[in-house]
Amino acid sequence: MMDEEADVAESNQRATQRRVAVLCVVVASVTVAYWLAWFAHRSLVASSTSATYVGFEQAFPLADGWLVVCLLAAGHTLWRGQRQAVLWLLMGGGAGIYLFGMDVLYDLEHGTWTSGTNGLVELGINLATIGISAPLVWWTWTHRRALDPPGHPSDQH
């Protein structure tokens, strides 16, 4: 009976890991889509046309690119059950929290969220960023031992 319960728990853990891996890839893809829209047809995503706003947003592609790298690496390593997933998940979640802080401070200082439909899009992006990033860090930390168990063969040098 104990073996059966352990098998079910392991199966559930693996299914959850796969869902989180898919989430990482989806968020990375949405981030890339945002930047494609920004550079191809800015009016789809820009909440303003002011030089200050455009200059601020233009500072994000490199940081968002790092976020995408972290999320894709997290998704890949988590899907494959590799212990490096802990590192990539924490870096990706931390990058998202940092980007949230930068974006929200600007948005609050400049009244971005009240600038019409695209301002509401920006608010949605901010809420999604923190709503995914903070739980991702929390989930990774609370599951770190299952994701990176002690005594793993790679611990032997």
Protein backbone atom coordinates (compact mmCIF):
# COMPACT_ATOMS: atom_id res chain seq x y z
CA MET A 1 0.00 0.00 0.00
CA MET A 2 2.84 2.42 0.84
CA ASP A 3 4.53 1.80 -2.53
CA GLU A 4 1.29 2.55 -4.32
CA GLU A 5 0.86 5.84 -2.42
CA ALA A 6 4.46 6.80 -3.15
CA ASP A 7 3.93 6.03 -6.84
CA VAL A 8 0.80 8.21 -6.92
CA ALA A 9 2.59 11.05 -5.13
CA GLU A 10 5.54 10.83 -7.52
CA SER A 11 3.19 10.76 -10.51
CA ASN A 12 1.34 13.83 -9.21
CA GLN A 13 4.64 15.66 -8.60
CA ARG A 14 5.79 14.85 -12.13
CA ALA A 15 2.49 16.05 -13.63
CA THR A 16 2.77 19.32 -11.69
CA GLN A 17 6.36 19.75 -12.87
CA ARG A 18 5.22 19.32 -16.46
CA ARG A 19 2.46 21.91 -16.02
CA VAL A 20 4.96 24.38 -14.59
CA ALA A 21 7.35 23.63 -17.47
CA VAL A 22 4.59 24.39 -19.98
CA LEU A 23 3.74 27.60 -18.11
CA CYS A 24 7.38 28.72 -18.38
CA VAL A 25 7.41 28.15 -22.13
CA VAL A 26 4.04 29.89 -22.60
CA VAL A 27 5.17 32.96 -20.62
CA ALA A 28 8.43 33.08 -22.60
CA SER A 29 6.43 32.87 -25.84
CA VAL A 30 4.04 35.65 -24.80
CA THR A 31 7.02 37.84 -23.89
CA VAL A 32 8.54 37.29 -27.33
CA ALA A 33 5.16 38.01 -28.95
CA TYR A 34 4.92 41.28 -27.01
CA TRP A 35 8.28 42.43 -28.33
CA LEU A 36 7.43 41.37 -31.87
CA ALA A 37 4.27 43.49 -31.61
CA TRP A 38 6.27 46.37 -30.08
CA PHE A 39 8.73 46.47 -32.95
CA ALA A 40 6.29 45.57 -35.76
CA HIS A 41 3.14 47.50 -34.76
CA ARG A 42 3.77 49.42 -31.55
CA SER A 43 0.23 50.81 -31.26
CA LEU A 44 -1.00 47.31 -30.39
CA VAL A 45 0.85 47.31 -27.06
CA ALA A 46 2.11 50.85 -26.31
CA SER A 47 0.16 52.77 -23.69
CA SER A 48 1.66 56.09 -24.85
CA THR A 49 3.61 57.62 -27.70
CA SER A 50 5.59 60.02 -25.50
CA ALA A 51 9.35 59.98 -25.89
CA THR A 52 9.73 59.28 -22.16
CA TYR A 53 7.50 56.19 -22.32
CA VAL A 54 9.05 54.86 -25.53
CA GLY A 55 12.54 55.40 -24.10
CA PHE A 56 11.56 53.57 -20.92
CA GLU A 57 10.11 50.60 -22.81
CA GLN A 58 13.10 50.49 -25.15
CA ALA A 59 15.26 49.74 -22.07
CA PHE A 60 13.47 46.41 -21.49
CA PRO A 61 14.29 44.07 -24.42
CA LEU A 62 17.60 42.89 -22.97
CA ALA A 63 16.14 42.25 -19.51
CA ASP A 64 13.07 40.58 -20.98
CA GLY A 65 15.40 38.56 -23.20
CA TRP A 66 17.17 37.31 -20.06
CA LEU A 67 13.77 36.44 -18.58
CA VAL A 68 12.94 34.45 -21.73
CA VAL A 69 16.26 32.56 -21.56
CA CYS A 70 15.66 31.71 -17.89
CA LEU A 71 12.09 30.57 -18.51
CA LEU A 72 12.98 28.44 -21.52
CA ALA A 73 15.86 26.84 -19.63
CA ALA A 74 13.56 26.30 -16.64
CA GLY A 75 10.89 24.71 -18.81
CA HIS A 76 13.38 22.48 -20.58
CA THR A 77 15.19 21.28 -17.45
CA LEU A 78 11.98 20.84 -15.50
CA TRP A 79 10.36 18.83 -18.30
CA ARG A 80 13.40 16.57 -18.42
CA GLY A 81 13.51 16.24 -14.64
CA GLN A 82 16.96 17.80 -14.39
CA ARG A 83 18.05 19.26 -11.09
CA GLN A 84 19.24 22.51 -12.74
CA ALA A 85 15.57 23.40 -12.99
CA VAL A 86 15.74 24.84 -9.46
CA LEU A 87 18.38 27.35 -10.54
CA TRP A 88 16.57 28.41 -13.72
CA LEU A 89 13.16 28.60 -12.03
CA LEU A 90 14.49 30.83 -9.24
CA MET A 91 16.37 33.06 -11.69
CA GLY A 92 13.34 33.36 -13.97
CA GLY A 93 10.96 34.08 -11.11
CA GLY A 94 13.37 36.59 -9.60
CA ALA A 95 13.85 38.31 -12.95
CA GLY A 96 10.07 38.60 -13.30
CA ILE A 97 9.71 40.12 -9.82
CA TYR A 98 12.47 42.64 -10.58
CA LEU A 99 10.91 43.59 -13.92
CA PHE A 100 7.53 43.96 -12.18
CA GLY A 101 9.05 46.43 -9.71
CA MET A 102 10.67 48.50 -12.44
CA ASP A 103 7.54 48.59 -14.58
CA VAL A 104 5.10 49.34 -11.76
CA LEU A 105 7.15 52.21 -10.36
CA TYR A 106 7.24 53.88 -13.78
CA ASP A 107 3.53 53.22 -14.35
CA LEU A 108 2.58 54.72 -10.97
CA GLU A 109 4.78 57.78 -11.47
CA HIS A 110 3.39 58.46 -14.94
CA GLY A 111 -0.28 57.45 -14.60
CA THR A 112 0.12 54.78 -17.24
CA TRP A 113 -2.75 52.58 -16.06
CA THR A 114 -5.30 55.37 -16.60
CA SER A 115 -4.23 56.13 -20.16
CA GLY A 116 -6.99 54.18 -21.88
CA THR A 117 -7.20 50.63 -23.18
CA ASN A 118 -3.47 50.17 -23.62
CA GLY A 119 -2.94 51.44 -20.07
CA LEU A 120 -5.22 48.64 -18.92
CA VAL A 121 -3.15 46.22 -21.02
CA GLU A 122 -0.09 47.47 -19.13
CA LEU A 123 -1.87 46.91 -15.81
CA GLY A 124 -2.73 43.38 -16.96
CA ILE A 125 0.89 42.74 -17.86
CA ASN A 126 1.99 43.97 -14.43
CA LEU A 127 -0.55 41.80 -12.61
CA ALA A 128 0.33 38.75 -14.70
CA THR A 129 4.04 39.33 -14.13
CA ILE A 130 3.80 39.35 -10.34
CA GLY A 131 0.97 36.81 -10.34
CA ILE A 132 3.21 34.29 -12.12
CA SER A 133 6.68 35.26 -10.87
CA ALA A 134 6.10 35.30 -7.11
CA PRO A 135 4.22 31.97 -7.04
CA LEU A 136 6.89 30.46 -9.30
CA VAL A 137 9.60 31.37 -6.79
CA TRP A 138 7.45 30.11 -3.90
CA TRP A 139 6.61 26.82 -5.67
CA THR A 140 10.25 26.23 -6.61
CA TRP A 141 11.49 26.89 -3.10
CA THR A 142 8.87 24.65 -1.46
CA HIS A 143 9.60 21.84 -3.93
CA ARG A 144 13.37 22.28 -4.17
CA ARG A 145 14.16 19.00 -2.41
CA ALA A 146 11.98 17.02 -4.80
CA LEU A 147 13.46 18.88 -7.77
CA ASP A 148 17.07 18.60 -6.55
CA PRO A 149 17.27 15.72 -4.09
CA PRO A 150 20.36 15.34 -1.89
CA GLY A 151 22.57 12.40 -2.74
CA HIS A 152 22.00 12.84 -6.46
CA PRO A 153 24.67 10.99 -8.51
CA SER A 154 26.02 14.32 -9.78
CA ASP A 155 26.88 15.21 -6.16
CA GLN A 156 29.77 12.74 -6.37
CA HIS A 157 32.89 14.51 -7.58
